[in-house]
Amino acid sequence: MPRSTAAADVFNAVAEPRRRDILVYLASQERAVGDIVAALELAQPSVSKHLKVLRDVGLVHVRRDGRQMFYRTNVEAIRPIQEWAGIFERFWGHQLSRVKERAERPSSGKGGNA
């Protein structure tokens, strides 16, 4: 079976840790392929393959300037991931609130020698 599933949607594309690293690195500014290779200490062919997957699903924009290709994260394309993760963020926030409430509750009668 061909490995085309990564190109199917953003969720599959970001399942690969190196692609997430690339997206994070590109989030702050547009970068040349060589900069990505150097910063993340990955082989150039590997970076190019990851960028192709990210580009195919729309997670990065590419701009050519002469012979160089410059990439930047497409934050709008990441929105479905953020919205999906938001469901769990609310759950985590609720759980943290419950832990905080329990921790701040005055202990009643446990080993109290007042």
PDB file of N, CA and C in Angstrom:
ATOM      1  N   MET A   1       0.844  -1.180   0.000  1.00  0.00           N
ATOM      2  CA  MET A   1       0.000   0.000   0.000  1.00  0.00           C
ATOM      3  C   MET A   1       0.889   1.243   0.000  1.00  0.00           C
ATOM      4  N   PRO A   2       0.672   2.200  -0.901  1.00  0.00           N
ATOM      5  CA  PRO A   2       1.490   3.401  -0.954  1.00  0.00           C
ATOM      6  C   PRO A   2       1.255   4.285   0.266  1.00  0.00           C
ATOM      7  N   ARG A   3       2.285   5.026   0.640  1.00  0.00           N
ATOM      8  CA  ARG A   3       2.200   5.894   1.818  1.00  0.00           C
ATOM      9  C   ARG A   3       1.705   7.272   1.433  1.00  0.00           C
ATOM     10  N   SER A   4       0.518   7.350   0.879  1.00  0.00           N
ATOM     11  CA  SER A   4      -0.035   8.639   0.497  1.00  0.00           C
ATOM     12  C   SER A   4      -0.908   9.236   1.588  1.00  0.00           C
ATOM     13  N   THR A   5      -1.090   8.510   2.686  1.00  0.00           N
ATOM     14  CA  THR A   5      -1.975   8.992   3.737  1.00  0.00           C
ATOM     15  C   THR A   5      -1.476  10.285   4.367  1.00  0.00           C
ATOM     16  N   ALA A   6      -0.173  10.497   4.436  1.00  0.00           N
ATOM     17  CA  ALA A   6       0.343  11.728   5.041  1.00  0.00           C
ATOM     18  C   ALA A   6      -0.118  12.945   4.263  1.00  0.00           C
ATOM     19  N   ALA A   7      -0.270  12.790   2.970  1.00  0.00           N
ATOM     20  CA  ALA A   7      -0.714  13.912   2.152  1.00  0.00           C
ATOM     21  C   ALA A   7      -2.229  14.079   2.186  1.00  0.00           C
ATOM     22  N   ALA A   8      -2.944  13.168   2.827  1.00  0.00           N
ATOM     23  CA  ALA A   8      -4.400  13.200   2.823  1.00  0.00           C
ATOM     24  C   ALA A   8      -4.972  14.360   3.637  1.00  0.00           C
ATOM     25  N   ASP A   9      -4.385  14.659   4.771  1.00  0.00           N
ATOM     26  CA  ASP A   9      -4.890  15.752   5.591  1.00  0.00           C
ATOM     27  C   ASP A   9      -3.820  16.249   6.547  1.00  0.00           C
ATOM     28  N   VAL A  10      -4.129  17.358   7.183  1.00  0.00           N
ATOM     29  CA  VAL A  10      -3.146  17.979   8.074  1.00  0.00           C
ATOM     30  C   VAL A  10      -2.822  17.101   9.282  1.00  0.00           C
ATOM     31  N   PHE A  11      -3.779  16.327   9.749  1.00  0.00           N
ATOM     32  CA  PHE A  11      -3.541  15.479  10.916  1.00  0.00           C
ATOM     33  C   PHE A  11      -2.482  14.422  10.618  1.00  0.00           C
ATOM     34  N   ASN A  12      -2.596  13.788   9.476  1.00  0.00           N
ATOM     35  CA  ASN A  12      -1.590  12.800   9.099  1.00  0.00           C
ATOM     36  C   ASN A  12      -0.237  13.457   8.835  1.00  0.00           C
ATOM     37  N   ALA A  13      -0.260  14.637   8.258  1.00  0.00           N
ATOM     38  CA  ALA A  13       0.995  15.323   7.952  1.00  0.00           C
ATOM     39  C   ALA A  13       1.764  15.666   9.224  1.00  0.00           C
ATOM     40  N   VAL A  14       1.071  16.108  10.258  1.00  0.00           N
ATOM     41  CA  VAL A  14       1.760  16.502  11.491  1.00  0.00           C
ATOM     42  C   VAL A  14       1.997  15.326  12.430  1.00  0.00           C
ATOM     43  N   ALA A  15       1.591  14.145  12.033  1.00  0.00           N
ATOM     44  CA  ALA A  15       1.865  12.962  12.854  1.00  0.00           C
ATOM     45  C   ALA A  15       3.356  12.656  12.905  1.00  0.00           C
ATOM     46  N   GLU A  16       4.094  13.107  11.935  1.00  0.00           N
ATOM     47  CA  GLU A  16       5.543  12.876  11.858  1.00  0.00           C
ATOM     48  C   GLU A  16       6.255  13.980  12.650  1.00  0.00           C
ATOM     49  N   PRO A  17       7.017  13.621  13.685  1.00  0.00           N
ATOM     50  CA  PRO A  17       7.665  14.618  14.555  1.00  0.00           C
ATOM     51  C   PRO A  17       8.565  15.611  13.820  1.00  0.00           C
ATOM     52  N   ARG A  18       9.280  15.176  12.803  1.00  0.00           N
ATOM     53  CA  ARG A  18      10.170  16.099  12.093  1.00  0.00           C
ATOM     54  C   ARG A  18       9.382  17.172  11.356  1.00  0.00           C
ATOM     55  N   ARG A  19       8.204  16.816  10.885  1.00  0.00           N
ATOM     56  CA  ARG A  19       7.359  17.821  10.219  1.00  0.00           C
ATOM     57  C   ARG A  19       6.868  18.847  11.230  1.00  0.00           C
ATOM     58  N   ARG A  20       6.544  18.385  12.431  1.00  0.00           N
ATOM     59  CA  ARG A  20       6.138  19.335  13.478  1.00  0.00           C
ATOM     60  C   ARG A  20       7.297  20.262  13.811  1.00  0.00           C
ATOM     61  N   ASP A  21       8.503  19.711  13.880  1.00  0.00           N
ATOM     62  CA  ASP A  21       9.689  20.542  14.142  1.00  0.00           C
ATOM     63  C   ASP A  21       9.848  21.607  13.059  1.00  0.00           C
ATOM     64  N   ILE A  22       9.648  21.213  11.822  1.00  0.00           N
ATOM     65  CA  ILE A  22       9.771  22.158  10.705  1.00  0.00           C
ATOM     66  C   ILE A  22       8.719  23.251  10.830  1.00  0.00           C
ATOM     67  N   LEU A  23       7.482  22.871  11.125  1.00  0.00           N
ATOM     68  CA  LEU A  23       6.414  23.871  11.272  1.00  0.00           C
ATOM     69  C   LEU A  23       6.722  24.863  12.389  1.00  0.00           C
ATOM     70  N   VAL A  24       7.219  24.357  13.499  1.00  0.00           N
ATOM     71  CA  VAL A  24       7.569  25.243  14.617  1.00  0.00           C
ATOM     72  C   VAL A  24       8.688  26.192  14.199  1.00  0.00           C
ATOM     73  N   TYR A  25       9.685  25.657  13.528  1.00  0.00           N
ATOM     74  CA  TYR A  25      10.811  26.483  13.094  1.00  0.00           C
ATOM     75  C   TYR A  25      10.358  27.567  12.105  1.00  0.00           C
ATOM     76  N   LEU A  26       9.410  27.235  11.260  1.00  0.00           N
ATOM     77  CA  LEU A  26       8.934  28.191  10.258  1.00  0.00           C
ATOM     78  C   LEU A  26       7.874  29.148  10.799  1.00  0.00           C
ATOM     79  N   ALA A  27       7.380  28.906  11.995  1.00  0.00           N
ATOM     80  CA  ALA A  27       6.292  29.725  12.534  1.00  0.00           C
ATOM     81  C   ALA A  27       6.690  31.184  12.731  1.00  0.00           C
ATOM     82  N   SER A  28       7.925  31.438  13.104  1.00  0.00           N
ATOM     83  CA  SER A  28       8.329  32.808  13.413  1.00  0.00           C
ATOM     84  C   SER A  28       8.666  33.632  12.179  1.00  0.00           C
ATOM     85  N   GLN A  29       9.155  32.960  11.133  1.00  0.00           N
ATOM     86  CA  GLN A  29       9.487  33.697   9.908  1.00  0.00           C
ATOM     87  C   GLN A  29       9.751  32.748   8.747  1.00  0.00           C
ATOM     88  N   GLU A  30       9.724  33.317   7.568  1.00  0.00           N
ATOM     89  CA  GLU A  30      10.023  32.573   6.348  1.00  0.00           C
ATOM     90  C   GLU A  30      11.499  32.167   6.351  1.00  0.00           C
ATOM     91  N   ARG A  31      11.761  30.955   5.879  1.00  0.00           N
ATOM     92  CA  ARG A  31      13.140  30.440   5.887  1.00  0.00           C
ATOM     93  C   ARG A  31      13.452  29.711   4.593  1.00  0.00           C
ATOM     94  N   ALA A  32      14.719  29.759   4.225  1.00  0.00           N
ATOM     95  CA  ALA A  32      15.211  29.004   3.080  1.00  0.00           C
ATOM     96  C   ALA A  32      15.410  27.549   3.486  1.00  0.00           C
ATOM     97  N   VAL A  33      15.357  26.653   2.515  1.00  0.00           N
ATOM     98  CA  VAL A  33      15.529  25.228   2.786  1.00  0.00           C
ATOM     99  C   VAL A  33      16.851  24.974   3.508  1.00  0.00           C
ATOM    100  N   GLY A  34      17.917  25.629   3.065  1.00  0.00           N
ATOM    101  CA  GLY A  34      19.224  25.449   3.693  1.00  0.00           C
ATOM    102  C   GLY A  34      19.225  25.825   5.162  1.00  0.00           C
ATOM    103  N   ASP A  35      18.462  26.852   5.515  1.00  0.00           N
ATOM    104  CA  ASP A  35      18.359  27.259   6.922  1.00  0.00           C
ATOM    105  C   ASP A  35      17.668  26.182   7.750  1.00  0.00           C
ATOM    106  N   ILE A  36      16.641  25.567   7.171  1.00  0.00           N
ATOM    107  CA  ILE A  36      15.914  24.499   7.869  1.00  0.00           C
ATOM    108  C   ILE A  36      16.841  23.310   8.089  1.00  0.00           C
ATOM    109  N   VAL A  37      17.584  22.957   7.044  1.00  0.00           N
ATOM    110  CA  VAL A  37      18.531  21.834   7.124  1.00  0.00           C
ATOM    111  C   VAL A  37      19.532  22.084   8.244  1.00  0.00           C
ATOM    112  N   ALA A  38      20.103  23.274   8.272  1.00  0.00           N
ATOM    113  CA  ALA A  38      21.137  23.594   9.260  1.00  0.00           C
ATOM    114  C   ALA A  38      20.573  23.657  10.676  1.00  0.00           C
ATOM    115  N   ALA A  39      19.445  24.329  10.831  1.00  0.00           N
ATOM    116  CA  ALA A  39      18.886  24.522  12.168  1.00  0.00           C
ATOM    117  C   ALA A  39      18.402  23.216  12.791  1.00  0.00           C
ATOM    118  N   LEU A  40      17.802  22.364  11.984  1.00  0.00           N
ATOM    119  CA  LEU A  40      17.227  21.127  12.518  1.00  0.00           C
ATOM    120  C   LEU A  40      18.159  19.925  12.379  1.00  0.00           C
ATOM    121  N   GLU A  41      19.313  20.167  11.764  1.00  0.00           N
ATOM    122  CA  GLU A  41      20.328  19.128  11.581  1.00  0.00           C
ATOM    123  C   GLU A  41      19.745  17.878  10.919  1.00  0.00           C
ATOM    124  N   LEU A  42      19.047  18.106   9.823  1.00  0.00           N
ATOM    125  CA  LEU A  42      18.471  17.036   9.023  1.00  0.00           C
ATOM    126  C   LEU A  42      19.106  17.054   7.645  1.00  0.00           C
ATOM    127  N   ALA A  43      19.067  15.936   6.963  1.00  0.00           N
ATOM    128  CA  ALA A  43      19.595  15.862   5.606  1.00  0.00           C
ATOM    129  C   ALA A  43      18.680  16.649   4.662  1.00  0.00           C
ATOM    130  N   GLN A  44      19.282  17.300   3.675  1.00  0.00           N
ATOM    131  CA  GLN A  44      18.512  18.122   2.746  1.00  0.00           C
ATOM    132  C   GLN A  44      17.425  17.318   2.022  1.00  0.00           C
ATOM    133  N   PRO A  45      17.715  16.101   1.531  1.00  0.00           N
ATOM    134  CA  PRO A  45      16.638  15.350   0.869  1.00  0.00           C
ATOM    135  C   PRO A  45      15.463  15.047   1.805  1.00  0.00           C
ATOM    136  N   SER A  46      15.754  14.791   3.064  1.00  0.00           N
ATOM    137  CA  SER A  46      14.708  14.519   4.045  1.00  0.00           C
ATOM    138  C   SER A  46      13.847  15.767   4.257  1.00  0.00           C
ATOM    139  N   VAL A  47      14.491  16.912   4.415  1.00  0.00           N
ATOM    140  CA  VAL A  47      13.762  18.169   4.601  1.00  0.00           C
ATOM    141  C   VAL A  47      12.883  18.439   3.387  1.00  0.00           C
ATOM    142  N   SER A  48      13.423  18.231   2.192  1.00  0.00           N
ATOM    143  CA  SER A  48      12.640  18.465   0.976  1.00  0.00           C
ATOM    144  C   SER A  48      11.407  17.566   0.913  1.00  0.00           C
ATOM    145  N   LYS A  49      11.563  16.319   1.295  1.00  0.00           N
ATOM    146  CA  LYS A  49      10.412  15.393   1.299  1.00  0.00           C
ATOM    147  C   LYS A  49       9.355  15.837   2.309  1.00  0.00           C
ATOM    148  N   HIS A  50       9.803  16.228   3.500  1.00  0.00           N
ATOM    149  CA  HIS A  50       8.857  16.688   4.517  1.00  0.00           C
ATOM    150  C   HIS A  50       8.157  17.964   4.063  1.00  0.00           C
ATOM    151  N   LEU A  51       8.900  18.874   3.465  1.00  0.00           N
ATOM    152  CA  LEU A  51       8.305  20.119   2.979  1.00  0.00           C
ATOM    153  C   LEU A  51       7.283  19.854   1.880  1.00  0.00           C
ATOM    154  N   LYS A  52       7.540  18.861   1.043  1.00  0.00           N
ATOM    155  CA  LYS A  52       6.584  18.520  -0.007  1.00  0.00           C
ATOM    156  C   LYS A  52       5.269  18.055   0.594  1.00  0.00           C
ATOM    157  N   VAL A  53       5.336  17.204   1.612  1.00  0.00           N
ATOM    158  CA  VAL A  53       4.113  16.741   2.277  1.00  0.00           C
ATOM    159  C   VAL A  53       3.389  17.928   2.900  1.00  0.00           C
ATOM    160  N   LEU A  54       4.124  18.768   3.605  1.00  0.00           N
ATOM    161  CA  LEU A  54       3.521  19.935   4.252  1.00  0.00           C
ATOM    162  C   LEU A  54       2.906  20.880   3.227  1.00  0.00           C
ATOM    163  N   ARG A  55       3.571  21.058   2.112  1.00  0.00           N
ATOM    164  CA  ARG A  55       3.064  21.915   1.036  1.00  0.00           C
ATOM    165  C   ARG A  55       1.812  21.301   0.405  1.00  0.00           C
ATOM    166  N   ASP A  56       1.834  19.988   0.173  1.00  0.00           N
ATOM    167  CA  ASP A  56       0.699  19.314  -0.470  1.00  0.00           C
ATOM    168  C   ASP A  56      -0.595  19.440   0.323  1.00  0.00           C
ATOM    169  N   VAL A  57      -0.494  19.491   1.644  1.00  0.00           N
ATOM    170  CA  VAL A  57      -1.705  19.630   2.474  1.00  0.00           C
ATOM    171  C   VAL A  57      -1.968  21.084   2.851  1.00  0.00           C
ATOM    172  N   GLY A  58      -1.129  21.991   2.377  1.00  0.00           N
ATOM    173  CA  GLY A  58      -1.348  23.416   2.602  1.00  0.00           C
ATOM    174  C   GLY A  58      -0.822  23.961   3.910  1.00  0.00           C
ATOM    175  N   LEU A  59       0.010  23.197   4.620  1.00  0.00           N
ATOM    176  CA  LEU A  59       0.524  23.668   5.909  1.00  0.00           C
ATOM    177  C   LEU A  59       1.678  24.655   5.790  1.00  0.00           C
ATOM    178  N   VAL A  60       2.295  24.723   4.629  1.00  0.00           N
ATOM    179  CA  VAL A  60       3.340  25.714   4.392  1.00  0.00           C
ATOM    180  C   VAL A  60       3.080  26.410   3.061  1.00  0.00           C
ATOM    181  N   HIS A  61       3.514  27.660   2.994  1.00  0.00           N
ATOM    182  CA  HIS A  61       3.530  28.416   1.751  1.00  0.00           C
ATOM    183  C   HIS A  61       4.965  28.418   1.258  1.00  0.00           C
ATOM    184  N   VAL A  62       5.137  28.445  -0.034  1.00  0.00           N
ATOM    185  CA  VAL A  62       6.480  28.474  -0.610  1.00  0.00           C
ATOM    186  C   VAL A  62       6.587  29.659  -1.550  1.00  0.00           C
ATOM    187  N   ARG A  63       7.784  30.262  -1.554  1.00  0.00           N
ATOM    188  CA  ARG A  63       8.082  31.378  -2.442  1.00  0.00           C
ATOM    189  C   ARG A  63       9.449  31.128  -3.054  1.00  0.00           C
ATOM    190  N   ARG A  64       9.540  31.293  -4.347  1.00  0.00           N
ATOM    191  CA  ARG A  64      10.819  31.125  -5.027  1.00  0.00           C
ATOM    192  C   ARG A  64      11.451  32.497  -5.238  1.00  0.00           C
ATOM    193  N   ASP A  65      12.737  32.563  -4.945  1.00  0.00           N
ATOM    194  CA  ASP A  65      13.519  33.771  -5.207  1.00  0.00           C
ATOM    195  C   ASP A  65      14.796  33.309  -5.885  1.00  0.00           C
ATOM    196  N   GLY A  66      14.835  33.402  -7.215  1.00  0.00           N
ATOM    197  CA  GLY A  66      15.965  32.864  -7.961  1.00  0.00           C
ATOM    198  C   GLY A  66      15.976  31.357  -7.843  1.00  0.00           C
ATOM    199  N   ARG A  67      17.087  30.821  -7.377  1.00  0.00           N
ATOM    200  CA  ARG A  67      17.195  29.368  -7.214  1.00  0.00           C
ATOM    201  C   ARG A  67      16.757  28.898  -5.829  1.00  0.00           C
ATOM    202  N   GLN A  68      16.528  29.837  -4.925  1.00  0.00           N
ATOM    203  CA  GLN A  68      16.167  29.452  -3.553  1.00  0.00           C
ATOM    204  C   GLN A  68      14.659  29.386  -3.366  1.00  0.00           C
ATOM    205  N   MET A  69      14.268  28.438  -2.521  1.00  0.00           N
ATOM    206  CA  MET A  69      12.866  28.295  -2.124  1.00  0.00           C
ATOM    207  C   MET A  69      12.756  28.718  -0.663  1.00  0.00           C
ATOM    208  N   PHE A  70      11.776  29.542  -0.383  1.00  0.00           N
ATOM    209  CA  PHE A  70      11.536  30.006   0.974  1.00  0.00           C
ATOM    210  C   PHE A  70      10.173  29.502   1.435  1.00  0.00           C
ATOM    211  N   TYR A  71      10.144  28.994   2.657  1.00  0.00           N
ATOM    212  CA  TYR A  71       8.928  28.409   3.212  1.00  0.00           C
ATOM    213  C   TYR A  71       8.511  29.152   4.463  1.00  0.00           C
ATOM    214  N   ARG A  72       7.207  29.160   4.693  1.00  0.00           N
ATOM    215  CA  ARG A  72       6.669  29.700   5.943  1.00  0.00           C
ATOM    216  C   ARG A  72       5.424  28.904   6.309  1.00  0.00           C
ATOM    217  N   THR A  73       5.143  28.820   7.597  1.00  0.00           N
ATOM    218  CA  THR A  73       3.978  28.094   8.085  1.00  0.00           C
ATOM    219  C   THR A  73       2.707  28.834   7.687  1.00  0.00           C
ATOM    220  N   ASN A  74       1.722  28.086   7.235  1.00  0.00           N
ATOM    221  CA  ASN A  74       0.402  28.622   6.931  1.00  0.00           C
ATOM    222  C   ASN A  74      -0.461  28.394   8.168  1.00  0.00           C
ATOM    223  N   VAL A  75      -0.532  29.393   9.023  1.00  0.00           N
ATOM    224  CA  VAL A  75      -1.222  29.221  10.300  1.00  0.00           C
ATOM    225  C   VAL A  75      -2.712  28.946  10.134  1.00  0.00           C
ATOM    226  N   GLU A  76      -3.323  29.442   9.077  1.00  0.00           N
ATOM    227  CA  GLU A  76      -4.747  29.169   8.846  1.00  0.00           C
ATOM    228  C   GLU A  76      -4.999  27.691   8.618  1.00  0.00           C
ATOM    229  N   ALA A  77      -4.074  27.004   7.964  1.00  0.00           N
ATOM    230  CA  ALA A  77      -4.245  25.575   7.696  1.00  0.00           C
ATOM    231  C   ALA A  77      -4.107  24.741   8.967  1.00  0.00           C
ATOM    232  N   ILE A  78      -3.495  25.315   9.994  1.00  0.00           N
ATOM    233  CA  ILE A  78      -3.321  24.608  11.264  1.00  0.00           C
ATOM    234  C   ILE A  78      -4.572  24.731  12.134  1.00  0.00           C
ATOM    235  N   ARG A  79      -5.470  25.623  11.768  1.00  0.00           N
ATOM    236  CA  ARG A  79      -6.675  25.861  12.570  1.00  0.00           C
ATOM    237  C   ARG A  79      -7.461  24.585  12.887  1.00  0.00           C
ATOM    238  N   PRO A  80      -7.679  23.648  11.948  1.00  0.00           N
ATOM    239  CA  PRO A  80      -8.419  22.427  12.318  1.00  0.00           C
ATOM    240  C   PRO A  80      -7.753  21.644  13.448  1.00  0.00           C
ATOM    241  N   ILE A  81      -6.431  21.646  13.482  1.00  0.00           N
ATOM    242  CA  ILE A  81      -5.720  20.945  14.551  1.00  0.00           C
ATOM    243  C   ILE A  81      -5.933  21.675  15.871  1.00  0.00           C
ATOM    244  N   GLN A  82      -5.843  23.003  15.825  1.00  0.00           N
ATOM    245  CA  GLN A  82      -6.022  23.806  17.034  1.00  0.00           C
ATOM    246  C   GLN A  82      -7.433  23.644  17.577  1.00  0.00           C
ATOM    247  N   GLU A  83      -8.420  23.640  16.685  1.00  0.00           N
ATOM    248  CA  GLU A  83      -9.804  23.485  17.133  1.00  0.00           C
ATOM    249  C   GLU A  83     -10.034  22.104  17.742  1.00  0.00           C
ATOM    250  N   TRP A  84      -9.484  21.079  17.118  1.00  0.00           N
ATOM    251  CA  TRP A  84      -9.632  19.729  17.637  1.00  0.00           C
ATOM    252  C   TRP A  84      -8.953  19.608  18.997  1.00  0.00           C
ATOM    253  N   ALA A  85      -7.734  20.112  19.105  1.00  0.00           N
ATOM    254  CA  ALA A  85      -7.006  20.042  20.374  1.00  0.00           C
ATOM    255  C   ALA A  85      -7.703  20.875  21.448  1.00  0.00           C
ATOM    256  N   GLY A  86      -8.424  21.916  21.043  1.00  0.00           N
ATOM    257  CA  GLY A  86      -9.147  22.756  21.990  1.00  0.00           C
ATOM    258  C   GLY A  86     -10.173  21.990  22.796  1.00  0.00           C
ATOM    259  N   ILE A  87     -10.748  20.962  22.189  1.00  0.00           N
ATOM    260  CA  ILE A  87     -11.705  20.114  22.915  1.00  0.00           C
ATOM    261  C   ILE A  87     -11.029  19.520  24.147  1.00  0.00           C
ATOM    262  N   PHE A  88      -9.821  19.046  23.961  1.00  0.00           N
ATOM    263  CA  PHE A  88      -9.094  18.414  25.050  1.00  0.00           C
ATOM    264  C   PHE A  88      -8.499  19.442  25.996  1.00  0.00           C
ATOM    265  N   GLU A  89      -8.190  20.612  25.485  1.00  0.00           N
ATOM    266  CA  GLU A  89      -7.671  21.672  26.338  1.00  0.00           C
ATOM    267  C   GLU A  89      -8.698  22.038  27.402  1.00  0.00           C
ATOM    268  N   ARG A  90      -9.964  22.094  27.002  1.00  0.00           N
ATOM    269  CA  ARG A  90     -11.026  22.381  27.981  1.00  0.00           C
ATOM    270  C   ARG A  90     -11.087  21.274  29.037  1.00  0.00           C
ATOM    271  N   PHE A  91     -10.912  20.032  28.610  1.00  0.00           N
ATOM    272  CA  PHE A  91     -10.911  18.910  29.543  1.00  0.00           C
ATOM    273  C   PHE A  91      -9.743  19.037  30.515  1.00  0.00           C
ATOM    274  N   TRP A  92      -8.545  19.338  29.967  1.00  0.00           N
ATOM    275  CA  TRP A  92      -7.371  19.470  30.822  1.00  0.00           C
ATOM    276  C   TRP A  92      -7.552  20.618  31.805  1.00  0.00           C
ATOM    277  N   GLY A  93      -8.097  21.724  31.344  1.00  0.00           N
ATOM    278  CA  GLY A  93      -8.329  22.869  32.224  1.00  0.00           C
ATOM    279  C   GLY A  93      -9.274  22.515  33.352  1.00  0.00           C
ATOM    280  N   HIS A  94     -10.322  21.767  33.033  1.00  0.00           N
ATOM    281  CA  HIS A  94     -11.281  21.330  34.050  1.00  0.00           C
ATOM    282  C   HIS A  94     -10.602  20.414  35.058  1.00  0.00           C
ATOM    283  N   GLN A  95      -9.794  19.481  34.571  1.00  0.00           N
ATOM    284  CA  GLN A  95      -9.099  18.557  35.465  1.00  0.00           C
ATOM    285  C   GLN A  95      -8.127  19.314  36.371  1.00  0.00           C
ATOM    286  N   LEU A  96      -7.407  20.277  35.820  1.00  0.00           N
ATOM    287  CA  LEU A  96      -6.469  21.063  36.629  1.00  0.00           C
ATOM    288  C   LEU A  96      -7.210  21.874  37.692  1.00  0.00           C
ATOM    289  N   SER A  97      -8.374  22.400  37.338  1.00  0.00           N
ATOM    290  CA  SER A  97      -9.170  23.143  38.315  1.00  0.00           C
ATOM    291  C   SER A  97      -9.591  22.244  39.473  1.00  0.00           C
ATOM    292  N   ARG A  98      -9.986  21.012  39.143  1.00  0.00           N
ATOM    293  CA  ARG A  98     -10.391  20.076  40.197  1.00  0.00           C
ATOM    294  C   ARG A  98      -9.214  19.721  41.100  1.00  0.00           C
ATOM    295  N   VAL A  99      -8.051  19.518  40.536  1.00  0.00           N
ATOM    296  CA  VAL A  99      -6.863  19.209  41.333  1.00  0.00           C
ATOM    297  C   VAL A  99      -6.536  20.394  42.242  1.00  0.00           C
ATOM    298  N   LYS A 100      -6.628  21.600  41.692  1.00  0.00           N
ATOM    299  CA  LYS A 100      -6.336  22.800  42.477  1.00  0.00           C
ATOM    300  C   LYS A 100      -7.322  22.926  43.642  1.00  0.00           C
ATOM    301  N   GLU A 101      -8.616  22.700  43.356  1.00  0.00           N
ATOM    302  CA  GLU A 101      -9.626  22.768  44.424  1.00  0.00           C
ATOM    303  C   GLU A 101      -9.323  21.779  45.538  1.00  0.00           C
ATOM    304  N   ARG A 102      -8.982  20.567  45.182  1.00  0.00           N
ATOM    305  CA  ARG A 102      -8.666  19.547  46.198  1.00  0.00           C
ATOM    306  C   ARG A 102      -7.432  19.935  47.003  1.00  0.00           C
ATOM    307  N   ALA A 103      -6.437  20.466  46.335  1.00  0.00           N
ATOM    308  CA  ALA A 103      -5.199  20.833  47.015  1.00  0.00           C
ATOM    309  C   ALA A 103      -5.401  22.001  47.974  1.00  0.00           C
ATOM    310  N   GLU A 104      -6.324  22.907  47.623  1.00  0.00           N
ATOM    311  CA  GLU A 104      -6.541  24.092  48.450  1.00  0.00           C
ATOM    312  C   GLU A 104      -7.570  23.881  49.546  1.00  0.00           C
ATOM    313  N   ARG A 105      -8.287  22.749  49.510  1.00  0.00           N
ATOM    314  CA  ARG A 105      -9.285  22.459  50.533  1.00  0.00           C
ATOM    315  C   ARG A 105      -8.607  22.287  51.885  1.00  0.00           C
ATOM    316  N   PRO A 106      -9.148  22.907  52.916  1.00  0.00           N
ATOM    317  CA  PRO A 106      -8.548  22.682  54.238  1.00  0.00           C
ATOM    318  C   PRO A 106      -8.755  21.235  54.646  1.00  0.00           C
ATOM    319  N   SER A 107      -7.715  20.653  55.202  1.00  0.00           N
ATOM    320  CA  SER A 107      -7.838  19.264  55.653  1.00  0.00           C
ATOM    321  C   SER A 107      -8.711  19.242  56.904  1.00  0.00           C
ATOM    322  N   SER A 108      -9.567  18.247  56.973  1.00  0.00           N
ATOM    323  CA  SER A 108     -10.500  18.174  58.119  1.00  0.00           C
ATOM    324  C   SER A 108     -10.199  16.955  58.951  1.00  0.00           C
ATOM    325  N   GLY A 109      -9.617  17.192  60.105  1.00  0.00           N
ATOM    326  CA  GLY A 109      -9.417  16.151  61.084  1.00  0.00           C
ATOM    327  C   GLY A 109      -8.347  15.116  60.743  1.00  0.00           C
ATOM    328  N   LYS A 110      -7.485  15.399  59.836  1.00  0.00           N
ATOM    329  CA  LYS A 110      -6.460  14.417  59.493  1.00  0.00           C
ATOM    330  C   LYS A 110      -5.179  14.747  60.240  1.00  0.00           C
ATOM    331  N   GLY A 111      -4.905  14.006  61.241  1.00  0.00           N
ATOM    332  CA  GLY A 111      -3.657  14.160  61.991  1.00  0.00           C
ATOM    333  C   GLY A 111      -3.515  15.505  62.642  1.00  0.00           C
ATOM    334  N   GLY A 112      -4.639  16.154  62.946  1.00  0.00           N
ATOM    335  CA  GLY A 112      -4.569  17.496  63.520  1.00  0.00           C
ATOM    336  C   GLY A 112      -4.369  17.501  65.018  1.00  0.00           C
ATOM    337  N   ASN A 113      -3.228  17.942  65.462  1.00  0.00           N
ATOM    338  CA  ASN A 113      -2.954  18.152  66.883  1.00  0.00           C
ATOM    339  C   ASN A 113      -2.827  19.644  67.086  1.00  0.00           C
ATOM    340  N   ALA A 114      -3.933  20.341  67.129  1.00  0.00           N
ATOM    341  CA  ALA A 114      -3.874  21.790  67.233  1.00  0.00           C
ATOM    342  C   ALA A 114      -3.784  22.297  68.592  1.00  0.00           C
TER     343      ALA A 114
END
